[in-house]
């Protein structure tokens, strides 16, 4: 007589045993998929932190620097249009903070090691 296969042995089991086995298999599949989801979520979180640190923060600094350069430029234009010496001195005092902020941001940018992207786009 031929040996029964795994499917035949499964079909010979009681209904309760079949249901418990099927639910067990579904439970294992759910556990595997949830662990893959957690692992993927951690990986995405790490990538997001890298993107924030390497791209978003420098862009914010760059925007701040451009804002200060624009204010510096506007103040220089006001200096050129100043009709009195007192107006000139008042506007000249406003230039310092803008220039200092730009120089600080440039020094911070120069001190930071740049990351090279090896992935093709």
C-alpha atoms as a PDB file:
ATOM      1  CA  UNK A   1       0.000   0.000   0.000  1.00  0.00           C
ATOM      2  CA  UNK A   2       1.190   3.517  -0.798  1.00  0.00           C
ATOM      3  CA  UNK A   3       2.412   5.811   1.916  1.00  0.00           C
ATOM      4  CA  UNK A   4      -0.007   8.661   2.682  1.00  0.00           C
ATOM      5  CA  UNK A   5       1.212  12.118   1.700  1.00  0.00           C
ATOM      6  CA  UNK A   6       1.224  15.113   4.028  1.00  0.00           C
ATOM      7  CA  UNK A   7      -1.961  16.465   2.447  1.00  0.00           C
ATOM      8  CA  UNK A   8      -3.745  13.131   2.914  1.00  0.00           C
ATOM      9  CA  UNK A   9      -2.637  12.993   6.548  1.00  0.00           C
ATOM     10  CA  UNK A  10      -3.879  16.557   7.041  1.00  0.00           C
ATOM     11  CA  UNK A  11      -7.258  15.689   5.495  1.00  0.00           C
ATOM     12  CA  UNK A  12      -7.580  12.705   7.836  1.00  0.00           C
ATOM     13  CA  UNK A  13      -7.312  14.924  10.935  1.00  0.00           C
ATOM     14  CA  UNK A  14     -10.323  16.114  12.901  1.00  0.00           C
ATOM     15  CA  UNK A  15     -11.876  19.462  11.963  1.00  0.00           C
ATOM     16  CA  UNK A  16     -10.780  21.055  15.239  1.00  0.00           C
ATOM     17  CA  UNK A  17      -7.156  20.077  14.622  1.00  0.00           C
ATOM     18  CA  UNK A  18      -7.324  21.380  11.045  1.00  0.00           C
ATOM     19  CA  UNK A  19      -8.715  24.721  12.241  1.00  0.00           C
ATOM     20  CA  UNK A  20      -6.092  25.077  14.971  1.00  0.00           C
ATOM     21  CA  UNK A  21      -3.336  24.235  12.495  1.00  0.00           C
ATOM     22  CA  UNK A  22      -4.663  26.753   9.952  1.00  0.00           C
ATOM     23  CA  UNK A  23      -4.974  29.480  12.600  1.00  0.00           C
ATOM     24  CA  UNK A  24      -1.454  28.672  13.797  1.00  0.00           C
ATOM     25  CA  UNK A  25      -0.093  29.056  10.275  1.00  0.00           C
ATOM     26  CA  UNK A  26      -1.963  32.355   9.852  1.00  0.00           C
ATOM     27  CA  UNK A  27      -0.578  33.500  13.224  1.00  0.00           C
ATOM     28  CA  UNK A  28       2.980  32.711  12.138  1.00  0.00           C
ATOM     29  CA  UNK A  29       2.449  34.628   8.887  1.00  0.00           C
ATOM     30  CA  UNK A  30       1.102  37.610  10.854  1.00  0.00           C
ATOM     31  CA  UNK A  31       4.127  37.514  13.183  1.00  0.00           C
ATOM     32  CA  UNK A  32       6.542  37.418  10.239  1.00  0.00           C
ATOM     33  CA  UNK A  33       4.807  40.305   8.461  1.00  0.00           C
ATOM     34  CA  UNK A  34       4.626  42.427  11.617  1.00  0.00           C
ATOM     35  CA  UNK A  35       8.314  41.863  12.372  1.00  0.00           C
ATOM     36  CA  UNK A  36       9.146  42.867   8.789  1.00  0.00           C
ATOM     37  CA  UNK A  37       7.013  45.982   9.272  1.00  0.00           C
ATOM     38  CA  UNK A  38       8.816  46.918  12.484  1.00  0.00           C
ATOM     39  CA  UNK A  39      12.210  46.331  10.866  1.00  0.00           C
ATOM     40  CA  UNK A  40      11.257  48.430   7.822  1.00  0.00           C
ATOM     41  CA  UNK A  41       9.895  51.182  10.055  1.00  0.00           C
ATOM     42  CA  UNK A  42      13.195  51.340  11.973  1.00  0.00           C
ATOM     43  CA  UNK A  43      15.133  51.524   8.720  1.00  0.00           C
ATOM     44  CA  UNK A  44      12.913  54.311   7.398  1.00  0.00           C
ATOM     45  CA  UNK A  45      13.319  56.160  10.692  1.00  0.00           C
ATOM     46  CA  UNK A  46      17.104  56.004  10.381  1.00  0.00           C
ATOM     47  CA  UNK A  47      16.954  57.234   6.779  1.00  0.00           C
ATOM     48  CA  UNK A  48      14.652  60.071   7.814  1.00  0.00           C
ATOM     49  CA  UNK A  49      17.070  61.137  10.552  1.00  0.00           C
ATOM     50  CA  UNK A  50      19.918  61.091   8.025  1.00  0.00           C
ATOM     51  CA  UNK A  51      17.922  63.159   5.547  1.00  0.00           C
ATOM     52  CA  UNK A  52      17.023  65.675   8.244  1.00  0.00           C
ATOM     53  CA  UNK A  53      20.602  66.032   9.489  1.00  0.00           C
ATOM     54  CA  UNK A  54      22.298  66.027   6.079  1.00  0.00           C
ATOM     55  CA  UNK A  55      19.831  67.981   3.974  1.00  0.00           C
ATOM     56  CA  UNK A  56      17.112  69.820   5.893  1.00  0.00           C
ATOM     57  CA  UNK A  57      19.293  71.531   8.510  1.00  0.00           C
ATOM     58  CA  UNK A  58      21.793  72.851   5.920  1.00  0.00           C
ATOM     59  CA  UNK A  59      18.890  74.095   3.792  1.00  0.00           C
ATOM     60  CA  UNK A  60      17.483  75.973   6.786  1.00  0.00           C
ATOM     61  CA  UNK A  61      20.922  77.480   7.427  1.00  0.00           C
ATOM     62  CA  UNK A  62      21.245  78.387   3.747  1.00  0.00           C
ATOM     63  CA  UNK A  63      17.839  80.080   3.814  1.00  0.00           C
ATOM     64  CA  UNK A  64      18.831  82.035   6.934  1.00  0.00           C
ATOM     65  CA  UNK A  65      22.059  83.075   5.248  1.00  0.00           C
ATOM     66  CA  UNK A  66      20.204  84.266   2.132  1.00  0.00           C
ATOM     67  CA  UNK A  67      17.763  86.205   4.308  1.00  0.00           C
ATOM     68  CA  UNK A  68      20.657  87.957   6.077  1.00  0.00           C
ATOM     69  CA  UNK A  69      22.413  88.672   2.780  1.00  0.00           C
ATOM     70  CA  UNK A  70      19.201  90.209   1.455  1.00  0.00           C
ATOM     71  CA  UNK A  71      18.830  92.362   4.593  1.00  0.00           C
ATOM     72  CA  UNK A  72      22.509  93.354   4.289  1.00  0.00           C
ATOM     73  CA  UNK A  73      21.914  94.354   0.652  1.00  0.00           C
ATOM     74  CA  UNK A  74      18.804  96.376   1.548  1.00  0.00           C
ATOM     75  CA  UNK A  75      20.710  98.161   4.298  1.00  0.00           C
ATOM     76  CA  UNK A  76      23.536  98.995   1.879  1.00  0.00           C
ATOM     77  CA  UNK A  77      20.987 100.447  -0.523  1.00  0.00           C
ATOM     78  CA  UNK A  78      19.537 102.520   2.322  1.00  0.00           C
ATOM     79  CA  UNK A  79      23.069 103.719   3.106  1.00  0.00           C
ATOM     80  CA  UNK A  80      23.515 104.851  -0.483  1.00  0.00           C
ATOM     81  CA  UNK A  81      20.257 106.815  -0.320  1.00  0.00           C
ATOM     82  CA  UNK A  82      20.829 108.383   3.108  1.00  0.00           C
ATOM     83  CA  UNK A  83      20.488 112.171   2.819  1.00  0.00           C
ATOM     84  CA  UNK A  84      22.078 113.021   6.176  1.00  0.00           C
ATOM     85  CA  UNK A  85      25.158 111.801   8.019  1.00  0.00           C
ATOM     86  CA  UNK A  86      23.059 110.797  11.044  1.00  0.00           C
ATOM     87  CA  UNK A  87      20.920 108.513   8.844  1.00  0.00           C
ATOM     88  CA  UNK A  88      24.096 107.038   7.370  1.00  0.00           C
ATOM     89  CA  UNK A  89      25.537 106.274  10.816  1.00  0.00           C
ATOM     90  CA  UNK A  90      22.269 104.717  11.984  1.00  0.00           C
ATOM     91  CA  UNK A  91      22.038 102.444   8.944  1.00  0.00           C
ATOM     92  CA  UNK A  92      25.756 101.585   9.117  1.00  0.00           C
ATOM     93  CA  UNK A  93      25.226 100.205  12.627  1.00  0.00           C
ATOM     94  CA  UNK A  94      22.566  97.820  11.262  1.00  0.00           C
ATOM     95  CA  UNK A  95      24.996  96.121   8.859  1.00  0.00           C
ATOM     96  CA  UNK A  96      27.121  94.424  11.521  1.00  0.00           C
ATOM     97  CA  UNK A  97      24.637  91.817  12.804  1.00  0.00           C
ATOM     98  CA  UNK A  98      23.687  90.677   9.298  1.00  0.00           C
ATOM     99  CA  UNK A  99      27.290  90.267   8.235  1.00  0.00           C
ATOM    100  CA  UNK A 100      28.209  88.502  11.476  1.00  0.00           C
ATOM    101  CA  UNK A 101      25.330  86.022  11.068  1.00  0.00           C
ATOM    102  CA  UNK A 102      26.367  85.242   7.484  1.00  0.00           C
ATOM    103  CA  UNK A 103      29.989  84.712   8.533  1.00  0.00           C
ATOM    104  CA  UNK A 104      28.920  82.400  11.378  1.00  0.00           C
ATOM    105  CA  UNK A 105      26.794  80.293   9.033  1.00  0.00           C
ATOM    106  CA  UNK A 106      29.617  80.103   6.482  1.00  0.00           C
ATOM    107  CA  UNK A 107      32.096  79.030   9.162  1.00  0.00           C
ATOM    108  CA  UNK A 108      29.645  76.391  10.397  1.00  0.00           C
ATOM    109  CA  UNK A 109      29.169  75.110   6.836  1.00  0.00           C
ATOM    110  CA  UNK A 110      32.918  75.000   6.158  1.00  0.00           C
ATOM    111  CA  UNK A 111      33.568  73.073   9.378  1.00  0.00           C
ATOM    112  CA  UNK A 112      31.011  70.387   8.545  1.00  0.00           C
ATOM    113  CA  UNK A 113      32.311  67.388   6.590  1.00  0.00           C
ATOM    114  CA  UNK A 114      30.314  66.976   3.416  1.00  0.00           C
ATOM    115  CA  UNK A 115      28.706  63.637   2.659  1.00  0.00           C
ATOM    116  CA  UNK A 116      29.258  62.211  -0.806  1.00  0.00           C
ATOM    117  CA  UNK A 117      26.271  60.499  -2.382  1.00  0.00           C
ATOM    118  CA  UNK A 118      27.349  57.335  -4.193  1.00  0.00           C
ATOM    119  CA  UNK A 119      23.865  56.351  -5.335  1.00  0.00           C
ATOM    120  CA  UNK A 120      23.019  57.095  -8.949  1.00  0.00           C
ATOM    121  CA  UNK A 121      20.069  59.368  -9.522  1.00  0.00           C
END
